[in-house]
Amino acid sequence: MWEVVIDEELKRKIESLPIEIQKKLYIYSMRFFWRDYVPLTAKVPTWYHRHIAVERDLYDARDKNIHFMHLSFNTLPENKKWIMGCQCDHCKNYGKGVLGKKYVAREYQKLLMNPEYLYEMVEQTDESDWNHYLGEGGIKYFDPFFGTEHDHSIAGALRNNTPIHFLSELSNLLQFTIENEIDIE
């Protein structure tokens, strides 16, 4: 593994010096060696930069609602299938034509009728929460209704930075209860 080339003439000259000078030379050369030496445990691992890039991609996927199967390191572009709610370029451009729009609308109707329909479309595993809206600890993973007319009003308002009108919903509820109480009397 390591090959050390020793200059025989230099070795002879150092051996001809007095022992005290040889010791000083040794100490001097070791100081220079340890100044430049970085132990292997102190170096950044070779895989670390890739790890940071993958973690960034996973964070961006959660933030932009891109399904885990459509990340660049997970699926080849020619093997991608449309997944409802996914905001990757492939899924955004899917269904631009009339037939595609009808198919997308039909798929969303199926999901509204059966909340488990997404799990039939996408492979299920026990090792990942990416097909669930919320994972352990309330972390949002994937929202199939992202950016559609079926999008949750509060989540959509937060995402689009539009005001949330809690009082209008509350006033409608209060109006309804007041009308019911008047009818009861």
Protein backbone atom coordinates (compact mmCIF):
# COMPACT_ATOMS: atom_id res chain seq x y z
CA MET A 1 0.00 0.00 0.00
CA TRP A 2 2.61 2.51 1.04
CA GLU A 3 5.93 2.64 -0.73
CA VAL A 4 8.76 4.55 0.89
CA VAL A 5 11.77 5.51 -1.21
CA ILE A 6 14.84 6.19 0.89
CA ASP A 7 17.72 8.23 -0.45
CA GLU A 8 20.70 6.13 0.62
CA GLU A 9 23.20 9.00 0.42
CA LEU A 10 21.03 11.24 2.64
CA LYS A 11 20.60 8.36 5.09
CA ARG A 12 24.38 7.88 5.33
CA LYS A 13 24.96 11.60 5.92
CA ILE A 14 22.33 11.74 8.70
CA GLU A 15 23.83 8.66 10.37
CA SER A 16 27.25 10.32 10.33
CA LEU A 17 25.89 13.24 12.42
CA PRO A 18 26.05 13.15 16.22
CA ILE A 19 23.09 11.48 18.01
CA GLU A 20 21.84 14.74 19.55
CA ILE A 21 21.58 16.41 16.12
CA GLN A 22 19.87 13.29 14.71
CA LYS A 23 17.26 13.54 17.51
CA LYS A 24 16.73 17.27 16.82
CA LEU A 25 16.31 16.53 13.07
CA TYR A 26 13.79 13.82 13.87
CA ILE A 27 11.75 16.12 16.12
CA TYR A 28 11.93 18.94 13.55
CA SER A 29 10.80 16.70 10.67
CA MET A 30 7.96 15.18 12.76
CA ARG A 31 6.65 18.66 13.61
CA PHE A 32 6.41 19.49 9.91
CA PHE A 33 4.78 16.14 9.20
CA TRP A 34 2.06 16.58 11.85
CA ARG A 35 1.35 20.16 10.77
CA ASP A 36 0.22 18.97 7.35
CA TYR A 37 -1.24 15.61 8.37
CA VAL A 38 -5.01 15.34 8.77
CA PRO A 39 -6.18 12.10 10.37
CA LEU A 40 -8.72 10.09 8.40
CA THR A 41 -11.33 10.45 11.15
CA ALA A 42 -11.12 14.26 10.93
CA LYS A 43 -11.71 14.37 7.16
CA VAL A 44 -15.13 14.87 5.63
CA PRO A 45 -16.36 11.48 4.34
CA THR A 46 -16.46 11.06 0.57
CA TRP A 47 -20.22 10.42 0.61
CA TYR A 48 -21.07 13.52 2.68
CA HIS A 49 -21.60 15.96 -0.22
CA ARG A 50 -23.97 13.50 -1.92
CA HIS A 51 -25.80 13.04 1.38
CA ILE A 52 -26.33 16.80 1.69
CA ALA A 53 -27.62 16.97 -1.91
CA VAL A 54 -30.10 14.11 -1.29
CA GLU A 55 -31.31 15.70 1.96
CA ARG A 56 -31.82 18.99 0.11
CA ASP A 57 -33.78 17.19 -2.63
CA LEU A 58 -35.97 15.47 -0.03
CA TYR A 59 -36.67 18.77 1.72
CA ASP A 60 -37.51 20.47 -1.60
CA ALA A 61 -39.75 17.54 -2.53
CA ARG A 62 -41.75 17.96 0.67
CA ASP A 63 -41.87 21.72 0.20
CA LYS A 64 -42.90 21.61 -3.48
CA ASN A 65 -45.07 18.46 -3.10
CA ILE A 66 -43.05 16.25 -5.45
CA HIS A 67 -43.66 12.54 -4.91
CA PHE A 68 -40.67 10.50 -3.74
CA MET A 69 -40.88 8.24 -6.80
CA HIS A 70 -40.31 11.24 -9.10
CA LEU A 71 -37.05 12.43 -7.57
CA SER A 72 -34.07 12.44 -9.92
CA PHE A 73 -32.17 9.78 -7.99
CA ASN A 74 -35.14 7.43 -7.71
CA THR A 75 -36.75 6.91 -11.13
CA LEU A 76 -35.60 7.20 -14.72
CA PRO A 77 -37.57 9.83 -16.68
CA GLU A 78 -38.95 7.24 -19.14
CA ASN A 79 -40.36 5.15 -16.25
CA LYS A 80 -42.32 7.95 -14.59
CA LYS A 81 -46.10 7.64 -14.35
CA TRP A 82 -48.52 10.42 -13.47
CA ILE A 83 -49.21 10.67 -9.72
CA MET A 84 -52.03 12.93 -8.60
CA GLY A 85 -50.86 16.00 -6.71
CA CYS A 86 -47.21 15.60 -7.73
CA GLN A 87 -45.69 18.91 -8.84
CA CYS A 88 -42.70 17.58 -10.80
CA ASP A 89 -42.34 18.69 -14.43
CA HIS A 90 -43.59 15.34 -15.75
CA CYS A 91 -46.83 15.41 -13.74
CA LYS A 92 -47.46 19.14 -14.26
CA ASN A 93 -47.29 18.73 -18.04
CA TYR A 94 -49.42 15.57 -18.00
CA GLY A 95 -53.01 15.98 -19.04
CA LYS A 96 -52.71 19.17 -21.10
CA GLY A 97 -55.01 17.82 -23.79
CA VAL A 98 -58.78 17.21 -23.54
CA LEU A 99 -58.40 13.46 -22.95
CA GLY A 100 -55.72 14.03 -20.34
CA LYS A 101 -57.87 16.55 -18.45
CA LYS A 102 -60.80 14.12 -18.42
CA TYR A 103 -58.55 11.34 -17.14
CA VAL A 104 -57.13 13.57 -14.39
CA ALA A 105 -60.63 14.70 -13.35
CA ARG A 106 -61.81 11.07 -13.28
CA GLU A 107 -58.85 10.05 -11.12
CA TYR A 108 -59.53 12.83 -8.63
CA GLN A 109 -63.19 11.76 -8.44
CA LYS A 110 -62.04 8.22 -7.64
CA LEU A 111 -59.79 9.58 -4.89
CA LEU A 112 -62.61 11.69 -3.44
CA MET A 113 -64.87 8.63 -3.35
CA ASN A 114 -62.18 6.32 -1.94
CA PRO A 115 -59.36 7.89 0.12
CA GLU A 116 -57.36 4.65 -0.21
CA TYR A 117 -57.26 4.99 -4.03
CA LEU A 118 -53.87 6.70 -3.97
CA TYR A 119 -52.39 3.64 -2.30
CA GLU A 120 -53.69 1.49 -5.17
CA MET A 121 -51.97 3.75 -7.72
CA VAL A 122 -48.58 3.95 -5.98
CA GLU A 123 -46.63 1.04 -4.55
CA GLN A 124 -46.91 0.70 -0.79
CA THR A 125 -44.04 0.03 1.59
CA ASP A 126 -43.82 -0.09 5.35
CA GLU A 127 -40.45 1.69 5.34
CA SER A 128 -41.64 5.06 4.07
CA ASP A 129 -44.35 7.60 4.88
CA TRP A 130 -44.19 9.31 1.48
CA ASN A 131 -47.63 8.09 0.40
CA HIS A 132 -49.21 9.48 3.56
CA TYR A 133 -50.19 13.10 3.97
CA LEU A 134 -48.68 13.28 7.47
CA GLY A 135 -45.93 11.07 8.84
CA GLU A 136 -44.71 10.55 12.38
CA GLY A 137 -44.56 13.76 14.36
CA GLY A 138 -46.93 15.57 11.97
CA ILE A 139 -44.36 16.01 9.17
CA LYS A 140 -46.11 16.67 5.85
CA TYR A 141 -44.91 14.33 3.13
CA PHE A 142 -47.25 14.34 0.17
CA ASP A 143 -50.63 15.96 -0.54
CA PRO A 144 -52.49 14.39 -3.51
CA PHE A 145 -54.89 17.38 -3.70
CA PHE A 146 -52.06 19.95 -3.97
CA GLY A 147 -52.92 22.74 -6.41
CA THR A 148 -56.35 21.38 -7.41
CA GLU A 149 -59.86 22.67 -6.82
CA HIS A 150 -60.12 20.01 -4.10
CA ASP A 151 -57.16 21.49 -2.20
CA HIS A 152 -57.79 22.02 1.52
CA SER A 153 -58.74 25.66 1.96
CA ILE A 154 -56.42 26.47 4.86
CA ALA A 155 -53.39 24.59 3.46
CA GLY A 156 -53.93 26.20 0.05
CA ALA A 157 -54.28 29.64 1.60
CA LEU A 158 -51.06 29.21 3.57
CA ARG A 159 -49.22 27.96 0.50
CA ASN A 160 -50.50 30.76 -1.75
CA ASN A 161 -50.12 33.44 0.92
CA THR A 162 -53.78 34.42 0.76
CA PRO A 163 -55.76 35.53 3.81
CA ILE A 164 -57.67 32.94 5.83
CA HIS A 165 -61.13 34.06 6.88
CA PHE A 166 -61.89 32.14 10.05
CA LEU A 167 -64.59 34.56 11.14
CA SER A 168 -66.69 34.12 8.00
CA GLU A 169 -66.85 30.35 8.61
CA LEU A 170 -67.58 30.98 12.28
CA SER A 171 -70.27 33.57 11.50
CA ASN A 172 -71.95 31.12 9.09
CA LEU A 173 -71.93 28.48 11.82
CA LEU A 174 -73.30 30.95 14.38
CA GLN A 175 -76.01 32.10 11.96
CA PHE A 176 -76.99 28.47 11.38
CA THR A 177 -77.22 27.73 15.12
CA ILE A 178 -79.18 30.93 15.81
CA GLU A 179 -81.69 30.05 13.06
CA ASN A 180 -82.07 26.54 14.53
CA GLU A 181 -82.67 27.92 18.03
CA ILE A 182 -85.35 30.29 16.70
CA ASP A 183 -87.06 27.38 14.91
CA ILE A 184 -87.03 25.32 18.13
CA GLU A 185 -88.78 28.05 20.18
